[in-house]
Amino acid sequence: MDYKSYKIIETKCKRSIKNNQKAEGKSMKNQRTKCKGIKSKWIAWKLRKEGFQIATVEPDWHNPEKDIYVFEMVPGFQEALDRILEERQQNKIKYKKDK
């Protein structure tokens, strides 16, 4: 799947304090997790409907009017993202055929 066409960014994000950082005794510098930044509001909305939480919302440096929705890579996230992207691709193909 070509993620660039759907504006998805692989990034690292800091874990939130909710995830027992203080209990683990690790500093914020060492506590990094893999995350994905989603520029599409529609894809972010679909991921939230699937039950994934947005870790942070950051401004897009290249386009300040838009936001980047950052999701933490938890088990099942990549499969849900692939399913959503495939559904979107199928809808685009179906729409072009209907015209």
N, C-alpha and C. Protein backbone atom coordinates (compact mmCIF):
# COMPACT_ATOMS: atom_id res chain seq x y z
N MET A 1 0.85 -1.18 0.00
CA MET A 1 0.00 0.00 0.00
C MET A 1 0.89 1.24 0.00
N ASP A 2 0.56 2.20 -0.82
CA ASP A 2 1.34 3.43 -0.92
C ASP A 2 0.82 4.42 0.12
N TYR A 3 1.55 4.53 1.23
CA TYR A 3 1.10 5.39 2.32
C TYR A 3 1.27 6.87 2.01
N LYS A 4 2.19 7.23 1.13
CA LYS A 4 2.40 8.65 0.83
C LYS A 4 1.16 9.27 0.21
N SER A 5 0.45 8.51 -0.60
CA SER A 5 -0.75 9.06 -1.23
C SER A 5 -1.85 9.33 -0.20
N TYR A 6 -1.77 8.68 0.96
CA TYR A 6 -2.77 8.91 2.01
C TYR A 6 -2.25 9.79 3.13
N LYS A 7 -1.08 10.35 2.94
CA LYS A 7 -0.52 11.31 3.89
C LYS A 7 -0.33 10.73 5.27
N ILE A 8 0.39 9.62 5.36
CA ILE A 8 0.66 8.97 6.64
C ILE A 8 2.15 9.08 6.91
N ILE A 9 2.51 9.47 8.11
CA ILE A 9 3.88 9.71 8.49
C ILE A 9 4.26 8.75 9.60
N GLU A 10 5.42 8.09 9.46
CA GLU A 10 5.93 7.28 10.56
C GLU A 10 6.75 8.20 11.45
N THR A 11 6.53 8.14 12.74
CA THR A 11 7.20 9.04 13.66
C THR A 11 7.40 8.34 15.00
N LYS A 12 8.14 8.97 15.86
CA LYS A 12 8.29 8.49 17.24
C LYS A 12 7.63 9.52 18.14
N CYS A 13 6.92 9.06 19.13
CA CYS A 13 6.28 9.99 20.05
C CYS A 13 6.59 9.58 21.47
N LYS A 14 6.48 10.55 22.34
CA LYS A 14 6.70 10.28 23.76
C LYS A 14 5.46 9.62 24.32
N ARG A 15 5.67 8.66 25.17
CA ARG A 15 4.57 7.98 25.84
C ARG A 15 3.94 8.92 26.85
N SER A 16 2.66 8.82 27.01
CA SER A 16 1.98 9.67 27.98
C SER A 16 2.22 9.16 29.40
N ILE A 17 1.97 10.03 30.36
CA ILE A 17 2.19 9.68 31.76
C ILE A 17 1.20 8.60 32.19
N LYS A 18 0.08 8.46 31.48
CA LYS A 18 -0.92 7.44 31.80
C LYS A 18 -0.33 6.04 31.74
N ASN A 19 0.71 5.85 30.95
CA ASN A 19 1.26 4.52 30.74
C ASN A 19 2.29 4.13 31.80
N ASN A 20 2.13 4.63 33.00
CA ASN A 20 2.95 4.24 34.15
C ASN A 20 4.44 4.50 33.96
N GLN A 21 4.78 5.66 33.41
CA GLN A 21 6.19 6.00 33.24
C GLN A 21 6.89 6.10 34.58
N LYS A 22 6.22 6.76 35.51
CA LYS A 22 6.86 6.95 36.82
C LYS A 22 7.05 5.61 37.52
N ALA A 23 6.12 4.69 37.33
CA ALA A 23 6.24 3.37 37.96
C ALA A 23 7.41 2.59 37.36
N GLU A 24 7.68 2.81 36.07
CA GLU A 24 8.78 2.11 35.43
C GLU A 24 10.12 2.72 35.80
N GLY A 25 10.11 3.97 36.24
CA GLY A 25 11.35 4.63 36.64
C GLY A 25 12.22 5.04 35.47
N LYS A 26 11.65 5.25 34.30
CA LYS A 26 12.41 5.65 33.13
C LYS A 26 12.14 7.12 32.82
N SER A 27 13.15 7.77 32.28
CA SER A 27 12.99 9.18 31.95
C SER A 27 12.23 9.31 30.63
N MET A 28 11.72 10.51 30.36
CA MET A 28 10.99 10.76 29.13
C MET A 28 11.88 10.61 27.90
N LYS A 29 13.17 10.87 28.03
CA LYS A 29 14.07 10.77 26.88
C LYS A 29 14.18 9.34 26.39
N ASN A 30 14.21 8.39 27.32
CA ASN A 30 14.37 6.99 26.94
C ASN A 30 13.04 6.33 26.59
N GLN A 31 11.95 6.94 26.96
CA GLN A 31 10.63 6.34 26.80
C GLN A 31 10.02 6.81 25.47
N ARG A 32 10.32 6.13 24.39
CA ARG A 32 9.78 6.47 23.07
C ARG A 32 9.05 5.25 22.52
N THR A 33 7.97 5.50 21.81
CA THR A 33 7.22 4.42 21.18
C THR A 33 7.02 4.77 19.72
N LYS A 34 6.74 3.77 18.91
CA LYS A 34 6.46 4.02 17.50
C LYS A 34 5.05 4.56 17.37
N CYS A 35 4.92 5.55 16.53
CA CYS A 35 3.62 6.16 16.27
C CYS A 35 3.47 6.42 14.79
N LYS A 36 2.25 6.67 14.37
CA LYS A 36 1.97 7.09 13.00
C LYS A 36 1.22 8.39 13.05
N GLY A 37 1.65 9.32 12.21
CA GLY A 37 0.96 10.59 12.07
C GLY A 37 0.05 10.53 10.86
N ILE A 38 -1.20 10.87 11.05
CA ILE A 38 -2.19 10.83 9.99
C ILE A 38 -2.60 12.26 9.67
N LYS A 39 -2.45 12.66 8.40
CA LYS A 39 -2.84 14.01 8.01
C LYS A 39 -4.30 14.08 7.59
N SER A 40 -4.88 12.97 7.23
CA SER A 40 -6.27 12.94 6.78
C SER A 40 -7.22 12.89 7.98
N LYS A 41 -8.10 13.86 8.05
CA LYS A 41 -9.07 13.90 9.15
C LYS A 41 -10.04 12.73 9.05
N TRP A 42 -10.39 12.32 7.83
CA TRP A 42 -11.32 11.21 7.62
C TRP A 42 -10.73 9.91 8.13
N ILE A 43 -9.45 9.64 7.80
CA ILE A 43 -8.81 8.40 8.25
C ILE A 43 -8.67 8.42 9.77
N ALA A 44 -8.33 9.56 10.35
CA ALA A 44 -8.22 9.66 11.81
C ALA A 44 -9.58 9.40 12.46
N TRP A 45 -10.63 9.90 11.87
CA TRP A 45 -11.98 9.69 12.40
C TRP A 45 -12.35 8.21 12.36
N LYS A 46 -12.03 7.54 11.22
CA LYS A 46 -12.33 6.11 11.10
C LYS A 46 -11.54 5.29 12.12
N LEU A 47 -10.27 5.66 12.35
CA LEU A 47 -9.46 4.96 13.35
C LEU A 47 -10.03 5.14 14.76
N ARG A 48 -10.53 6.34 15.05
CA ARG A 48 -11.15 6.57 16.36
C ARG A 48 -12.41 5.74 16.51
N LYS A 49 -13.19 5.58 15.42
CA LYS A 49 -14.39 4.74 15.47
C LYS A 49 -14.02 3.28 15.71
N GLU A 50 -12.82 2.88 15.26
CA GLU A 50 -12.34 1.51 15.47
C GLU A 50 -11.88 1.30 16.92
N GLY A 51 -11.72 2.39 17.68
CA GLY A 51 -11.35 2.27 19.09
C GLY A 51 -9.94 2.70 19.43
N PHE A 52 -9.20 3.26 18.47
CA PHE A 52 -7.84 3.72 18.72
C PHE A 52 -7.86 5.17 19.16
N GLN A 53 -7.06 5.49 20.17
CA GLN A 53 -7.04 6.84 20.71
C GLN A 53 -5.96 7.67 20.05
N ILE A 54 -6.25 8.95 19.86
CA ILE A 54 -5.26 9.88 19.33
C ILE A 54 -4.31 10.24 20.47
N ALA A 55 -3.00 10.01 20.25
CA ALA A 55 -2.01 10.32 21.28
C ALA A 55 -1.83 11.84 21.39
N THR A 56 -1.60 12.50 20.27
CA THR A 56 -1.47 13.95 20.25
C THR A 56 -1.96 14.48 18.91
N VAL A 57 -2.25 15.76 18.89
CA VAL A 57 -2.56 16.48 17.66
C VAL A 57 -1.52 17.57 17.53
N GLU A 58 -0.81 17.56 16.40
CA GLU A 58 0.26 18.53 16.18
C GLU A 58 -0.05 19.33 14.92
N PRO A 59 0.42 20.58 14.86
CA PRO A 59 0.22 21.35 13.63
C PRO A 59 1.12 20.83 12.52
N ASP A 60 0.65 20.92 11.30
CA ASP A 60 1.44 20.54 10.14
C ASP A 60 2.33 21.73 9.79
N TRP A 61 3.64 21.51 9.83
CA TRP A 61 4.58 22.61 9.59
C TRP A 61 4.52 23.12 8.16
N HIS A 62 4.20 22.24 7.22
CA HIS A 62 4.15 22.64 5.81
C HIS A 62 2.83 23.30 5.44
N ASN A 63 1.80 23.02 6.18
CA ASN A 63 0.47 23.58 5.93
C ASN A 63 -0.17 23.91 7.27
N PRO A 64 0.08 25.10 7.82
CA PRO A 64 -0.35 25.43 9.19
C PRO A 64 -1.85 25.38 9.44
N GLU A 65 -2.66 25.40 8.39
CA GLU A 65 -4.11 25.34 8.60
C GLU A 65 -4.57 23.93 8.95
N LYS A 66 -3.73 22.95 8.70
CA LYS A 66 -4.10 21.55 8.92
C LYS A 66 -3.39 20.98 10.14
N ASP A 67 -3.88 19.84 10.62
CA ASP A 67 -3.31 19.17 11.79
C ASP A 67 -2.81 17.78 11.40
N ILE A 68 -1.92 17.25 12.24
CA ILE A 68 -1.46 15.87 12.11
C ILE A 68 -1.93 15.13 13.35
N TYR A 69 -2.66 14.05 13.14
CA TYR A 69 -3.20 13.25 14.23
C TYR A 69 -2.25 12.09 14.47
N VAL A 70 -1.66 12.02 15.66
CA VAL A 70 -0.65 11.02 15.97
C VAL A 70 -1.30 9.90 16.77
N PHE A 71 -1.15 8.67 16.26
CA PHE A 71 -1.67 7.48 16.91
C PHE A 71 -0.51 6.61 17.35
N GLU A 72 -0.61 6.03 18.54
CA GLU A 72 0.41 5.10 19.01
C GLU A 72 0.20 3.74 18.33
N MET A 73 1.30 3.10 17.95
CA MET A 73 1.24 1.80 17.28
C MET A 73 0.99 0.70 18.31
N VAL A 74 -0.27 0.36 18.48
CA VAL A 74 -0.65 -0.72 19.39
C VAL A 74 -1.01 -1.94 18.56
N PRO A 75 -1.09 -3.12 19.16
CA PRO A 75 -1.46 -4.32 18.38
C PRO A 75 -2.81 -4.14 17.70
N GLY A 76 -2.85 -4.46 16.43
CA GLY A 76 -4.08 -4.34 15.65
C GLY A 76 -4.23 -3.03 14.91
N PHE A 77 -3.38 -2.05 15.22
CA PHE A 77 -3.51 -0.74 14.59
C PHE A 77 -3.20 -0.82 13.10
N GLN A 78 -2.09 -1.47 12.74
CA GLN A 78 -1.68 -1.52 11.34
C GLN A 78 -2.71 -2.26 10.48
N GLU A 79 -3.30 -3.32 11.02
CA GLU A 79 -4.32 -4.06 10.28
C GLU A 79 -5.55 -3.19 10.06
N ALA A 80 -5.96 -2.44 11.07
CA ALA A 80 -7.12 -1.55 10.94
C ALA A 80 -6.83 -0.45 9.93
N LEU A 81 -5.62 0.10 9.97
CA LEU A 81 -5.25 1.16 9.03
C LEU A 81 -5.24 0.62 7.60
N ASP A 82 -4.69 -0.56 7.39
CA ASP A 82 -4.68 -1.16 6.06
C ASP A 82 -6.10 -1.41 5.55
N ARG A 83 -6.97 -1.88 6.44
CA ARG A 83 -8.37 -2.13 6.06
C ARG A 83 -9.08 -0.84 5.66
N ILE A 84 -8.84 0.24 6.42
CA ILE A 84 -9.46 1.53 6.11
C ILE A 84 -8.94 2.07 4.78
N LEU A 85 -7.64 1.96 4.55
CA LEU A 85 -7.07 2.44 3.30
C LEU A 85 -7.57 1.64 2.10
N GLU A 86 -7.71 0.33 2.28
CA GLU A 86 -8.23 -0.50 1.21
C GLU A 86 -9.68 -0.15 0.91
N GLU A 87 -10.46 0.09 1.96
CA GLU A 87 -11.87 0.49 1.79
C GLU A 87 -11.95 1.82 1.04
N ARG A 88 -11.07 2.73 1.38
CA ARG A 88 -11.07 4.04 0.71
C ARG A 88 -10.70 3.89 -0.76
N GLN A 89 -9.72 3.05 -1.05
CA GLN A 89 -9.31 2.82 -2.44
C GLN A 89 -10.45 2.19 -3.24
N GLN A 90 -11.14 1.22 -2.65
CA GLN A 90 -12.26 0.58 -3.34
C GLN A 90 -13.39 1.58 -3.60
N ASN A 91 -13.65 2.48 -2.65
CA ASN A 91 -14.68 3.50 -2.85
C ASN A 91 -14.31 4.45 -3.97
N LYS A 92 -13.03 4.80 -4.09
CA LYS A 92 -12.59 5.68 -5.18
C LYS A 92 -12.77 5.01 -6.53
N ILE A 93 -12.42 3.72 -6.61
CA ILE A 93 -12.58 2.98 -7.86
C ILE A 93 -14.05 2.86 -8.23
N LYS A 94 -14.88 2.55 -7.25
CA LYS A 94 -16.32 2.42 -7.48
C LYS A 94 -16.92 3.74 -7.94
N TYR A 95 -16.49 4.84 -7.34
CA TYR A 95 -17.02 6.14 -7.70
C TYR A 95 -16.63 6.51 -9.14
N LYS A 96 -15.39 6.18 -9.53
CA LYS A 96 -14.95 6.49 -10.90
C LYS A 96 -15.73 5.66 -11.92
N LYS A 97 -16.05 4.41 -11.59
CA LYS A 97 -16.81 3.57 -12.50
C LYS A 97 -18.25 4.07 -12.66
N ASP A 98 -18.82 4.62 -11.61
CA ASP A 98 -20.20 5.11 -11.64
C ASP A 98 -20.35 6.36 -12.50
N LYS A 99 -19.28 7.10 -12.65
CA LYS A 99 -19.38 8.36 -13.44
C LYS A 99 -19.53 8.12 -14.88
